[in-house]
Amino acid sequence: MVKVDFICEGNTEKIIVDSENFRNLLNIKKCKVGRVINAEGKGNIHKEIIKSTDADYVFIFTDLDNDNCPLITIENHIKKSKRADKKYKKNKKHIFIIAIKEIESWFLADKKAMKNLKIHFNKNPEELEEPKDKINSLLNKNRRRKILIGEEVIATKFINAGFSIENAAQNQYCTSAKHFIKKLNKINNN
């Protein structure tokens, strides 16, 4: 069994990592979960990266947000980690997973969960500037009174509707979810 830690940018990523579907995926891939950390914001991820761990791998879930490409996001996290700890070097066991633009785009890529929620979206979710806004719009479509649904509630709704990263990765547009599955498969082949 490969021991894996997870550093999550925020609540949404942690809800996904703690979900039954995600844990089942890890069991299938023969991964044992170590620490699951909510960094409580992108600006705090470096504080968790520099901490030592006995895990074989550390997956770092963060959003692309306004960066131009995932490599810039990774480079920024590495620079912050080096500033916090001069001895830090990018460790090969640190695997960055960058959701494009935000992790909520993965929810829009999971056709099965969306069907269970009775909502439809057939475009590229990774092209949306604000996937949360689109989800709010879709969930409010048939309501007279529109309500703003927070990210934790959105994550819980999709998890309860059967969301899985595997389903999101099957969507032709969701390259960042595909990247996670690829990296997860790779650690089991080492």
N, C-alpha and C. Protein backbone atom coordinates (compact mmCIF):
# COMPACT_ATOMS: atom_id res chain seq x y z
N MET A 1 0.84 -1.20 0.00
CA MET A 1 0.00 0.00 0.00
C MET A 1 0.87 1.25 0.00
N VAL A 2 0.51 2.19 -0.84
CA VAL A 2 1.19 3.47 -0.93
C VAL A 2 0.49 4.44 0.02
N LYS A 3 1.26 5.09 0.90
CA LYS A 3 0.67 6.07 1.82
C LYS A 3 0.69 7.45 1.17
N VAL A 4 -0.49 8.10 1.17
CA VAL A 4 -0.65 9.37 0.49
C VAL A 4 -1.25 10.40 1.43
N ASP A 5 -0.61 11.57 1.51
CA ASP A 5 -1.17 12.73 2.21
C ASP A 5 -1.85 13.63 1.18
N PHE A 6 -2.78 14.45 1.66
CA PHE A 6 -3.45 15.41 0.81
C PHE A 6 -3.43 16.78 1.48
N ILE A 7 -2.95 17.77 0.74
CA ILE A 7 -3.02 19.15 1.19
C ILE A 7 -4.07 19.81 0.30
N CYS A 8 -5.13 20.28 0.91
CA CYS A 8 -6.26 20.86 0.18
C CYS A 8 -6.26 22.37 0.35
N GLU A 9 -6.50 23.07 -0.74
CA GLU A 9 -6.55 24.54 -0.68
C GLU A 9 -7.65 25.01 0.25
N GLY A 10 -8.78 24.33 0.24
CA GLY A 10 -9.90 24.79 1.05
C GLY A 10 -10.89 23.69 1.35
N ASN A 11 -12.08 24.11 1.77
CA ASN A 11 -13.13 23.17 2.20
C ASN A 11 -13.61 22.27 1.08
N THR A 12 -13.77 22.80 -0.12
CA THR A 12 -14.30 22.00 -1.22
C THR A 12 -13.40 20.80 -1.51
N GLU A 13 -12.10 21.06 -1.62
CA GLU A 13 -11.16 19.97 -1.90
C GLU A 13 -11.18 18.94 -0.77
N LYS A 14 -11.24 19.41 0.46
CA LYS A 14 -11.26 18.49 1.61
C LYS A 14 -12.53 17.65 1.61
N ILE A 15 -13.66 18.26 1.29
CA ILE A 15 -14.92 17.50 1.21
C ILE A 15 -14.80 16.40 0.17
N ILE A 16 -14.19 16.71 -0.97
CA ILE A 16 -13.99 15.70 -2.02
C ILE A 16 -13.09 14.58 -1.51
N VAL A 17 -11.96 14.93 -0.91
CA VAL A 17 -11.00 13.93 -0.43
C VAL A 17 -11.61 13.05 0.67
N ASP A 18 -12.47 13.63 1.49
CA ASP A 18 -13.11 12.88 2.58
C ASP A 18 -14.31 12.06 2.12
N SER A 19 -14.73 12.22 0.86
CA SER A 19 -15.94 11.54 0.40
C SER A 19 -15.72 10.03 0.22
N GLU A 20 -16.81 9.31 0.32
CA GLU A 20 -16.76 7.85 0.18
C GLU A 20 -16.28 7.43 -1.22
N ASN A 21 -16.77 8.11 -2.28
CA ASN A 21 -16.34 7.78 -3.64
C ASN A 21 -14.83 7.95 -3.81
N PHE A 22 -14.29 9.03 -3.24
CA PHE A 22 -12.85 9.28 -3.35
C PHE A 22 -12.07 8.22 -2.59
N ARG A 23 -12.52 7.89 -1.39
CA ARG A 23 -11.82 6.87 -0.58
C ARG A 23 -11.90 5.50 -1.26
N ASN A 24 -13.02 5.20 -1.92
CA ASN A 24 -13.13 3.94 -2.66
C ASN A 24 -12.13 3.91 -3.82
N LEU A 25 -11.99 5.03 -4.51
CA LEU A 25 -11.01 5.12 -5.60
C LEU A 25 -9.61 4.85 -5.07
N LEU A 26 -9.27 5.45 -3.94
CA LEU A 26 -7.94 5.24 -3.35
C LEU A 26 -7.74 3.79 -2.96
N ASN A 27 -8.76 3.15 -2.41
CA ASN A 27 -8.65 1.73 -2.05
C ASN A 27 -8.39 0.87 -3.28
N ILE A 28 -9.10 1.16 -4.36
CA ILE A 28 -8.91 0.41 -5.61
C ILE A 28 -7.47 0.58 -6.11
N LYS A 29 -6.94 1.79 -5.95
CA LYS A 29 -5.58 2.09 -6.40
C LYS A 29 -4.52 1.69 -5.37
N LYS A 30 -4.98 1.02 -4.30
CA LYS A 30 -4.08 0.53 -3.24
C LYS A 30 -3.31 1.66 -2.56
N CYS A 31 -4.06 2.72 -2.23
CA CYS A 31 -3.49 3.86 -1.52
C CYS A 31 -4.10 3.94 -0.13
N LYS A 32 -3.24 4.18 0.83
CA LYS A 32 -3.67 4.39 2.21
C LYS A 32 -3.57 5.88 2.50
N VAL A 33 -4.62 6.45 3.07
CA VAL A 33 -4.66 7.89 3.33
C VAL A 33 -3.91 8.19 4.62
N GLY A 34 -3.00 9.15 4.52
CA GLY A 34 -2.31 9.66 5.70
C GLY A 34 -3.02 10.92 6.17
N ARG A 35 -2.32 12.03 6.14
CA ARG A 35 -2.91 13.30 6.57
C ARG A 35 -3.78 13.90 5.46
N VAL A 36 -4.88 14.50 5.88
CA VAL A 36 -5.72 15.29 4.98
C VAL A 36 -5.82 16.67 5.63
N ILE A 37 -5.19 17.64 4.99
CA ILE A 37 -5.06 18.97 5.59
C ILE A 37 -5.82 19.99 4.77
N ASN A 38 -6.63 20.80 5.44
CA ASN A 38 -7.27 21.95 4.82
C ASN A 38 -6.36 23.14 5.11
N ALA A 39 -5.67 23.63 4.10
CA ALA A 39 -4.74 24.75 4.28
C ALA A 39 -5.49 26.06 4.54
N GLU A 40 -6.80 26.06 4.31
CA GLU A 40 -7.64 27.23 4.52
C GLU A 40 -7.20 28.43 3.69
N GLY A 41 -6.92 28.14 2.43
CA GLY A 41 -6.58 29.20 1.48
C GLY A 41 -5.28 28.93 0.75
N LYS A 42 -5.25 29.39 -0.48
CA LYS A 42 -4.09 29.21 -1.35
C LYS A 42 -2.82 29.77 -0.73
N GLY A 43 -2.94 30.88 -0.01
CA GLY A 43 -1.79 31.53 0.60
C GLY A 43 -1.16 30.76 1.74
N ASN A 44 -1.81 29.71 2.20
CA ASN A 44 -1.28 28.91 3.32
C ASN A 44 -0.72 27.56 2.90
N ILE A 45 -0.85 27.21 1.65
CA ILE A 45 -0.42 25.88 1.19
C ILE A 45 1.07 25.66 1.47
N HIS A 46 1.89 26.67 1.24
CA HIS A 46 3.34 26.51 1.43
C HIS A 46 3.69 26.12 2.86
N LYS A 47 2.91 26.57 3.83
CA LYS A 47 3.17 26.23 5.23
C LYS A 47 3.02 24.72 5.46
N GLU A 48 2.12 24.11 4.72
CA GLU A 48 1.90 22.66 4.85
C GLU A 48 2.92 21.87 4.01
N ILE A 49 3.29 22.42 2.86
CA ILE A 49 4.25 21.74 1.98
C ILE A 49 5.58 21.52 2.69
N ILE A 50 6.03 22.48 3.48
CA ILE A 50 7.37 22.37 4.08
C ILE A 50 7.40 21.46 5.31
N LYS A 51 6.23 21.03 5.78
CA LYS A 51 6.21 20.12 6.94
C LYS A 51 6.64 18.73 6.50
N SER A 52 7.39 18.07 7.36
CA SER A 52 7.84 16.71 7.03
C SER A 52 6.69 15.72 7.20
N THR A 53 6.78 14.64 6.49
CA THR A 53 5.75 13.61 6.52
C THR A 53 6.39 12.26 6.22
N ASP A 54 5.75 11.21 6.68
CA ASP A 54 6.24 9.87 6.37
C ASP A 54 5.48 9.26 5.19
N ALA A 55 4.63 10.07 4.55
CA ALA A 55 3.86 9.59 3.40
C ALA A 55 4.79 9.35 2.21
N ASP A 56 4.39 8.42 1.36
CA ASP A 56 5.14 8.16 0.13
C ASP A 56 4.96 9.29 -0.88
N TYR A 57 3.75 9.88 -0.89
CA TYR A 57 3.43 10.97 -1.80
C TYR A 57 2.53 11.97 -1.10
N VAL A 58 2.61 13.22 -1.54
CA VAL A 58 1.74 14.28 -1.04
C VAL A 58 1.09 14.94 -2.24
N PHE A 59 -0.22 14.78 -2.35
CA PHE A 59 -0.98 15.46 -3.40
C PHE A 59 -1.40 16.82 -2.88
N ILE A 60 -1.15 17.84 -3.66
CA ILE A 60 -1.48 19.20 -3.29
C ILE A 60 -2.56 19.69 -4.26
N PHE A 61 -3.81 19.81 -3.75
CA PHE A 61 -4.93 20.25 -4.55
C PHE A 61 -5.09 21.76 -4.42
N THR A 62 -5.00 22.46 -5.53
CA THR A 62 -5.18 23.91 -5.55
C THR A 62 -5.81 24.31 -6.87
N ASP A 63 -6.30 25.54 -6.92
CA ASP A 63 -6.94 26.06 -8.13
C ASP A 63 -5.97 26.89 -8.95
N LEU A 64 -6.22 26.93 -10.25
CA LEU A 64 -5.45 27.78 -11.15
C LEU A 64 -5.80 29.25 -10.91
N ASP A 65 -7.06 29.51 -10.66
CA ASP A 65 -7.56 30.87 -10.46
C ASP A 65 -7.12 31.76 -11.62
N ASN A 66 -6.35 32.82 -11.35
CA ASN A 66 -6.00 33.80 -12.38
C ASN A 66 -4.63 33.58 -13.01
N ASP A 67 -3.93 32.52 -12.62
CA ASP A 67 -2.64 32.24 -13.25
C ASP A 67 -2.86 31.82 -14.70
N ASN A 68 -1.85 32.04 -15.53
CA ASN A 68 -1.97 31.71 -16.95
C ASN A 68 -1.84 30.23 -17.26
N CYS A 69 -1.10 29.50 -16.40
CA CYS A 69 -0.95 28.07 -16.64
C CYS A 69 -0.60 27.37 -15.33
N PRO A 70 -0.82 26.06 -15.25
CA PRO A 70 -0.53 25.31 -14.03
C PRO A 70 0.93 25.41 -13.58
N LEU A 71 1.85 25.50 -14.53
CA LEU A 71 3.27 25.57 -14.15
C LEU A 71 3.57 26.83 -13.34
N ILE A 72 2.89 27.92 -13.66
CA ILE A 72 3.07 29.16 -12.90
C ILE A 72 2.54 28.99 -11.48
N THR A 73 1.38 28.34 -11.35
CA THR A 73 0.81 28.08 -10.03
C THR A 73 1.77 27.24 -9.19
N ILE A 74 2.31 26.19 -9.79
CA ILE A 74 3.26 25.32 -9.07
C ILE A 74 4.50 26.10 -8.68
N GLU A 75 5.04 26.85 -9.62
CA GLU A 75 6.24 27.64 -9.36
C GLU A 75 6.02 28.63 -8.21
N ASN A 76 4.85 29.26 -8.18
CA ASN A 76 4.53 30.20 -7.10
C ASN A 76 4.50 29.51 -5.74
N HIS A 77 3.93 28.31 -5.69
CA HIS A 77 3.89 27.57 -4.42
C HIS A 77 5.31 27.15 -3.99
N ILE A 78 6.13 26.77 -4.95
CA ILE A 78 7.51 26.38 -4.63
C ILE A 78 8.30 27.58 -4.12
N LYS A 79 8.13 28.74 -4.77
CA LYS A 79 8.83 29.96 -4.32
C LYS A 79 8.43 30.32 -2.90
N LYS A 80 7.14 30.27 -2.60
CA LYS A 80 6.68 30.59 -1.24
C LYS A 80 7.24 29.58 -0.23
N SER A 81 7.30 28.32 -0.62
CA SER A 81 7.84 27.29 0.26
C SER A 81 9.32 27.54 0.54
N LYS A 82 10.07 27.94 -0.49
CA LYS A 82 11.49 28.25 -0.32
C LYS A 82 11.71 29.47 0.56
N ARG A 83 10.82 30.46 0.43
CA ARG A 83 10.93 31.64 1.29
C ARG A 83 10.65 31.27 2.75
N ALA A 84 9.73 30.34 2.97
CA ALA A 84 9.37 29.93 4.33
C ALA A 84 10.43 29.01 4.95
N ASP A 85 11.09 28.23 4.09
CA ASP A 85 12.13 27.31 4.57
C ASP A 85 13.23 27.27 3.51
N LYS A 86 14.33 27.91 3.80
CA LYS A 86 15.44 28.04 2.83
C LYS A 86 15.95 26.69 2.33
N LYS A 87 15.78 25.64 3.12
CA LYS A 87 16.26 24.30 2.75
C LYS A 87 15.30 23.55 1.83
N TYR A 88 14.09 24.09 1.65
CA TYR A 88 13.09 23.39 0.86
C TYR A 88 13.52 23.28 -0.60
N LYS A 89 13.37 22.08 -1.15
CA LYS A 89 13.54 21.82 -2.58
C LYS A 89 12.32 21.05 -3.04
N LYS A 90 11.91 21.30 -4.26
CA LYS A 90 10.76 20.56 -4.80
C LYS A 90 11.03 19.08 -4.66
N ASN A 91 10.19 18.45 -3.91
CA ASN A 91 10.35 17.03 -3.61
C ASN A 91 9.58 16.21 -4.64
N LYS A 92 10.17 15.14 -5.12
CA LYS A 92 9.49 14.34 -6.14
C LYS A 92 8.23 13.68 -5.60
N LYS A 93 8.09 13.61 -4.28
CA LYS A 93 6.87 13.03 -3.75
C LYS A 93 5.74 14.06 -3.64
N HIS A 94 6.04 15.34 -3.92
CA HIS A 94 5.02 16.39 -3.94
C HIS A 94 4.41 16.43 -5.34
N ILE A 95 3.13 16.12 -5.44
CA ILE A 95 2.43 16.09 -6.72
C ILE A 95 1.35 17.16 -6.70
N PHE A 96 1.52 18.18 -7.52
CA PHE A 96 0.55 19.27 -7.58
C PHE A 96 -0.57 18.90 -8.54
N ILE A 97 -1.80 19.08 -8.08
CA ILE A 97 -2.98 18.89 -8.92
C ILE A 97 -3.66 20.25 -8.99
N ILE A 98 -3.64 20.85 -10.17
CA ILE A 98 -4.16 22.19 -10.36
C ILE A 98 -5.50 22.10 -11.09
N ALA A 99 -6.58 22.44 -10.38
CA ALA A 99 -7.90 22.46 -11.01
C ALA A 99 -8.02 23.73 -11.84
N ILE A 100 -8.52 23.57 -13.05
CA ILE A 100 -8.62 24.71 -13.98
C ILE A 100 -10.09 25.08 -14.08
N LYS A 101 -10.38 26.24 -13.84
CA LYS A 101 -9.93 27.37 -13.08
C LYS A 101 -10.10 27.11 -11.58
N GLU A 102 -11.17 26.44 -11.24
CA GLU A 102 -11.45 26.10 -9.85
C GLU A 102 -11.91 24.66 -9.78
N ILE A 103 -11.81 24.07 -8.60
CA ILE A 103 -12.19 22.67 -8.41
C ILE A 103 -13.66 22.44 -8.75
N GLU A 104 -14.49 23.47 -8.63
CA GLU A 104 -15.91 23.32 -8.95
C GLU A 104 -16.15 22.99 -10.42
N SER A 105 -15.15 23.27 -11.28
CA SER A 105 -15.30 22.88 -12.69
C SER A 105 -15.40 21.37 -12.82
N TRP A 106 -14.78 20.65 -11.88
CA TRP A 106 -14.85 19.18 -11.91
C TRP A 106 -16.29 18.71 -11.68
N PHE A 107 -17.03 19.43 -10.84
CA PHE A 107 -18.43 19.07 -10.61
C PHE A 107 -19.22 19.17 -11.91
N LEU A 108 -18.97 20.24 -12.66
CA LEU A 108 -19.68 20.44 -13.93
C LEU A 108 -19.27 19.43 -14.99
N ALA A 109 -18.15 18.77 -14.79
CA ALA A 109 -17.68 17.76 -15.74
C ALA A 109 -18.29 16.38 -15.47
N ASP A 110 -18.84 16.17 -14.29
CA ASP A 110 -19.40 14.86 -13.92
C ASP A 110 -20.86 14.80 -14.37
N LYS A 111 -21.09 14.19 -15.51
CA LYS A 111 -22.43 14.13 -16.11
C LYS A 111 -23.39 13.32 -15.24
N LYS A 112 -22.89 12.29 -14.57
CA LYS A 112 -23.78 11.46 -13.74
C LYS A 112 -24.29 12.23 -12.53
N ALA A 113 -23.41 12.92 -11.84
CA ALA A 113 -23.85 13.71 -10.68
C ALA A 113 -24.80 14.82 -11.12
N MET A 114 -24.50 15.45 -12.25
CA MET A 114 -25.38 16.53 -12.74
C MET A 114 -26.76 15.98 -13.10
N LYS A 115 -26.78 14.80 -13.69
CA LYS A 115 -28.08 14.18 -14.01
C LYS A 115 -28.87 13.93 -12.74
N ASN A 116 -28.19 13.44 -11.70
CA ASN A 116 -28.86 13.19 -10.42
C ASN A 116 -29.38 14.48 -9.79
N LEU A 117 -28.71 15.60 -10.07
CA LEU A 117 -29.16 16.90 -9.56
C LEU A 117 -30.15 17.58 -10.50
N LYS A 118 -30.43 16.91 -11.62
CA LYS A 118 -31.36 17.43 -12.64
C LYS A 118 -30.91 18.77 -13.22
N ILE A 119 -29.61 18.87 -13.46
CA ILE A 119 -29.06 20.04 -14.12
C ILE A 119 -28.22 19.59 -15.32
N HIS A 120 -28.06 20.48 -16.27
CA HIS A 120 -27.33 20.14 -17.50
C HIS A 120 -26.34 21.24 -17.85
N PHE A 121 -25.17 20.81 -18.28
CA PHE A 121 -24.14 21.74 -18.75
C PHE A 121 -23.27 20.97 -19.73
N ASN A 122 -23.25 21.38 -20.98
CA ASN A 122 -22.55 20.62 -22.01
C ASN A 122 -21.36 21.34 -22.62
N LYS A 123 -20.85 22.36 -21.94
CA LYS A 123 -19.71 23.09 -22.47
C LYS A 123 -18.46 22.72 -21.68
N ASN A 124 -17.35 23.34 -22.03
CA ASN A 124 -16.10 23.08 -21.34
C ASN A 124 -16.10 23.81 -19.98
N PRO A 125 -16.18 23.06 -18.87
CA PRO A 125 -16.23 23.72 -17.56
C PRO A 125 -14.92 24.41 -17.19
N GLU A 126 -13.83 23.98 -17.80
CA GLU A 126 -12.53 24.58 -17.48
C GLU A 126 -12.31 25.92 -18.18
N GLU A 127 -13.24 26.33 -19.03
CA GLU A 127 -13.17 27.66 -19.66
C GLU A 127 -13.93 28.72 -18.87
N LEU A 128 -14.68 28.30 -17.87
CA LEU A 128 -15.46 29.24 -17.07
C LEU A 128 -14.55 29.99 -16.10
N GLU A 129 -14.76 31.28 -15.99
CA GLU A 129 -14.01 32.08 -15.02
C GLU A 129 -14.44 31.74 -13.60
N GLU A 130 -15.73 31.54 -13.41
CA GLU A 130 -16.31 31.28 -12.09
C GLU A 130 -17.26 30.09 -12.15
N PRO A 131 -16.76 28.87 -12.08
CA PRO A 131 -17.65 27.70 -12.12
C PRO A 131 -18.71 27.70 -11.02
N LYS A 132 -18.38 28.26 -9.85
CA LYS A 132 -19.36 28.33 -8.75
C LYS A 132 -20.59 29.15 -9.16
N ASP A 133 -20.34 30.23 -9.88
CA ASP A 133 -21.46 31.06 -10.33
C ASP A 133 -22.36 30.28 -11.29
N LYS A 134 -21.75 29.52 -12.18
CA LYS A 134 -22.54 28.71 -13.13
C LYS A 134 -23.34 27.66 -12.38
N ILE A 135 -22.74 27.01 -11.40
CA ILE A 135 -23.45 26.00 -10.61
C ILE A 135 -24.62 26.66 -9.88
N ASN A 136 -24.40 27.83 -9.29
CA ASN A 136 -25.49 28.55 -8.62
C ASN A 136 -26.63 28.84 -9.59
N SER A 137 -26.27 29.29 -10.78
CA SER A 137 -27.27 29.59 -11.80
C SER A 137 -28.07 28.33 -12.17
N LEU A 138 -27.37 27.22 -12.35
CA LEU A 138 -28.05 25.97 -12.73
C LEU A 138 -28.94 25.44 -11.60
N LEU A 139 -28.45 25.52 -10.37
CA LEU A 139 -29.23 25.02 -9.24
C LEU A 139 -30.43 25.91 -8.93
N ASN A 140 -30.35 27.18 -9.31
CA ASN A 140 -31.43 28.14 -9.05
C ASN A 140 -32.41 28.28 -10.22
N LYS A 141 -32.15 27.59 -11.31
CA LYS A 141 -32.90 27.80 -12.55
C LYS A 141 -34.42 27.72 -12.37
N ASN A 142 -34.88 26.78 -11.62
CA ASN A 142 -36.32 26.58 -11.49
C ASN A 142 -36.90 27.17 -10.20
N ARG A 143 -36.17 28.05 -9.55
CA ARG A 143 -36.66 28.65 -8.30
C ARG A 143 -37.16 30.06 -8.56
N ARG A 144 -38.22 30.39 -7.88
CA ARG A 144 -38.70 31.78 -7.95
C ARG A 144 -37.76 32.70 -7.21
N ARG A 145 -37.36 32.25 -6.05
CA ARG A 145 -36.45 33.06 -5.23
C ARG A 145 -35.04 32.50 -5.39
N LYS A 146 -34.16 33.29 -5.96
CA LYS A 146 -32.78 32.86 -6.20
C LYS A 146 -31.99 32.98 -4.90
N ILE A 147 -31.20 31.95 -4.60
CA ILE A 147 -30.35 31.99 -3.40
C ILE A 147 -28.91 31.72 -3.81
N LEU A 148 -28.00 32.33 -3.11
CA LEU A 148 -26.58 32.11 -3.35
C LEU A 148 -26.15 30.90 -2.52
N ILE A 149 -25.67 29.89 -3.18
CA ILE A 149 -25.28 28.65 -2.51
C ILE A 149 -23.76 28.68 -2.35
N GLY A 150 -23.30 28.51 -1.12
CA GLY A 150 -21.87 28.55 -0.81
C GLY A 150 -21.14 27.32 -1.31
N GLU A 151 -19.80 27.41 -1.37
CA GLU A 151 -19.00 26.33 -1.94
C GLU A 151 -19.10 25.02 -1.15
N GLU A 152 -19.21 25.10 0.17
CA GLU A 152 -19.34 23.87 0.96
C GLU A 152 -20.65 23.17 0.66
N VAL A 153 -21.73 23.93 0.52
CA VAL A 153 -23.04 23.36 0.20
C VAL A 153 -23.01 22.77 -1.21
N ILE A 154 -22.39 23.48 -2.14
CA ILE A 154 -22.25 22.97 -3.51
C ILE A 154 -21.51 21.63 -3.49
N ALA A 155 -20.38 21.59 -2.80
CA ALA A 155 -19.58 20.36 -2.74
C ALA A 155 -20.40 19.22 -2.13
N THR A 156 -21.10 19.50 -1.07
CA THR A 156 -21.90 18.47 -0.41
C THR A 156 -23.02 17.98 -1.32
N LYS A 157 -23.68 18.91 -2.02
CA LYS A 157 -24.75 18.52 -2.96
C LYS A 157 -24.20 17.57 -4.03
N PHE A 158 -23.04 17.91 -4.59
CA PHE A 158 -22.48 17.07 -5.66
C PHE A 158 -21.99 15.73 -5.10
N ILE A 159 -21.38 15.74 -3.93
CA ILE A 159 -20.95 14.47 -3.31
C ILE A 159 -22.17 13.58 -3.07
N ASN A 160 -23.24 14.15 -2.52
CA ASN A 160 -24.46 13.38 -2.27
C ASN A 160 -25.12 12.91 -3.55
N ALA A 161 -24.85 13.60 -4.66
CA ALA A 161 -25.39 13.20 -5.97
C ALA A 161 -24.50 12.17 -6.66
N GLY A 162 -23.42 11.74 -5.97
CA GLY A 162 -22.56 10.70 -6.52
C GLY A 162 -21.33 11.19 -7.25
N PHE A 163 -20.95 12.45 -7.07
CA PHE A 163 -19.77 12.98 -7.76
C PHE A 163 -18.55 12.09 -7.54
N SER A 164 -17.83 11.87 -8.62
CA SER A 164 -16.53 11.19 -8.52
C SER A 164 -15.56 11.83 -9.52
N ILE A 165 -14.31 11.88 -9.12
CA ILE A 165 -13.28 12.42 -10.01
C ILE A 165 -13.15 11.55 -11.25
N GLU A 166 -13.37 10.26 -11.10
CA GLU A 166 -13.31 9.37 -12.27
C GLU A 166 -14.34 9.78 -13.31
N ASN A 167 -15.56 10.10 -12.87
CA ASN A 167 -16.59 10.56 -13.82
C ASN A 167 -16.18 11.87 -14.46
N ALA A 168 -15.66 12.80 -13.66
CA ALA A 168 -15.22 14.09 -14.20
C ALA A 168 -14.11 13.88 -15.23
N ALA A 169 -13.19 12.95 -14.96
CA ALA A 169 -12.06 12.69 -15.85
C ALA A 169 -12.51 12.08 -17.18
N GLN A 170 -13.69 11.47 -17.19
CA GLN A 170 -14.21 10.91 -18.45
C GLN A 170 -14.72 12.00 -19.39
N ASN A 171 -14.98 13.19 -18.85
CA ASN A 171 -15.44 14.30 -19.66
C ASN A 171 -14.26 14.78 -20.52
N GLN A 172 -14.48 14.89 -21.81
CA GLN A 172 -13.41 15.26 -22.74
C GLN A 172 -12.73 16.57 -22.39
N TYR A 173 -13.44 17.46 -21.72
CA TYR A 173 -12.90 18.78 -21.43
C TYR A 173 -12.11 18.88 -20.13
N CYS A 174 -12.31 17.95 -19.23
CA CYS A 174 -11.77 18.11 -17.88
C CYS A 174 -10.35 17.55 -17.76
N THR A 175 -9.41 18.29 -18.32
CA THR A 175 -8.03 17.83 -18.37
C THR A 175 -7.38 17.76 -16.98
N SER A 176 -7.77 18.63 -16.07
CA SER A 176 -7.14 18.61 -14.75
C SER A 176 -7.57 17.39 -13.94
N ALA A 177 -8.81 16.94 -14.07
CA ALA A 177 -9.24 15.71 -13.40
C ALA A 177 -8.54 14.50 -14.03
N LYS A 178 -8.40 14.52 -15.35
CA LYS A 178 -7.65 13.45 -16.05
C LYS A 178 -6.22 13.39 -15.53
N HIS A 179 -5.62 14.56 -15.32
CA HIS A 179 -4.24 14.64 -14.83
C HIS A 179 -4.13 13.98 -13.44
N PHE A 180 -5.11 14.23 -12.57
CA PHE A 180 -5.07 13.60 -11.25
C PHE A 180 -5.12 12.08 -11.37
N ILE A 181 -6.04 11.56 -12.18
CA ILE A 181 -6.16 10.10 -12.35
C ILE A 181 -4.86 9.53 -12.91
N LYS A 182 -4.26 10.23 -13.86
CA LYS A 182 -2.98 9.79 -14.45
C LYS A 182 -1.89 9.72 -13.38
N LYS A 183 -1.80 10.74 -12.56
CA LYS A 183 -0.77 10.78 -11.48
C LYS A 183 -1.05 9.69 -10.45
N LEU A 184 -2.31 9.46 -10.13
CA LEU A 184 -2.67 8.42 -9.17
C LEU A 184 -2.28 7.04 -9.71
N ASN A 185 -2.53 6.82 -10.99
CA ASN A 185 -2.13 5.55 -11.62
C ASN A 185 -0.61 5.39 -11.63
N LYS A 186 0.09 6.49 -11.87
CA LYS A 186 1.55 6.44 -11.96
C LYS A 186 2.21 6.05 -10.64
N ILE A 187 1.69 6.55 -9.50
CA ILE A 187 2.33 6.22 -8.23
C ILE A 187 2.19 4.76 -7.89
N ASN A 188 1.20 4.11 -8.45
CA ASN A 188 1.02 2.69 -8.20
C ASN A 188 1.87 1.81 -9.12
N ASN A 189 2.42 2.41 -10.14
CA ASN A 189 3.28 1.65 -11.05
C ASN A 189 4.75 1.77 -10.69
N ASN A 190 5.10 2.57 -9.68
CA ASN A 190 6.50 2.74 -9.27
C ASN A 190 6.92 1.62 -8.35
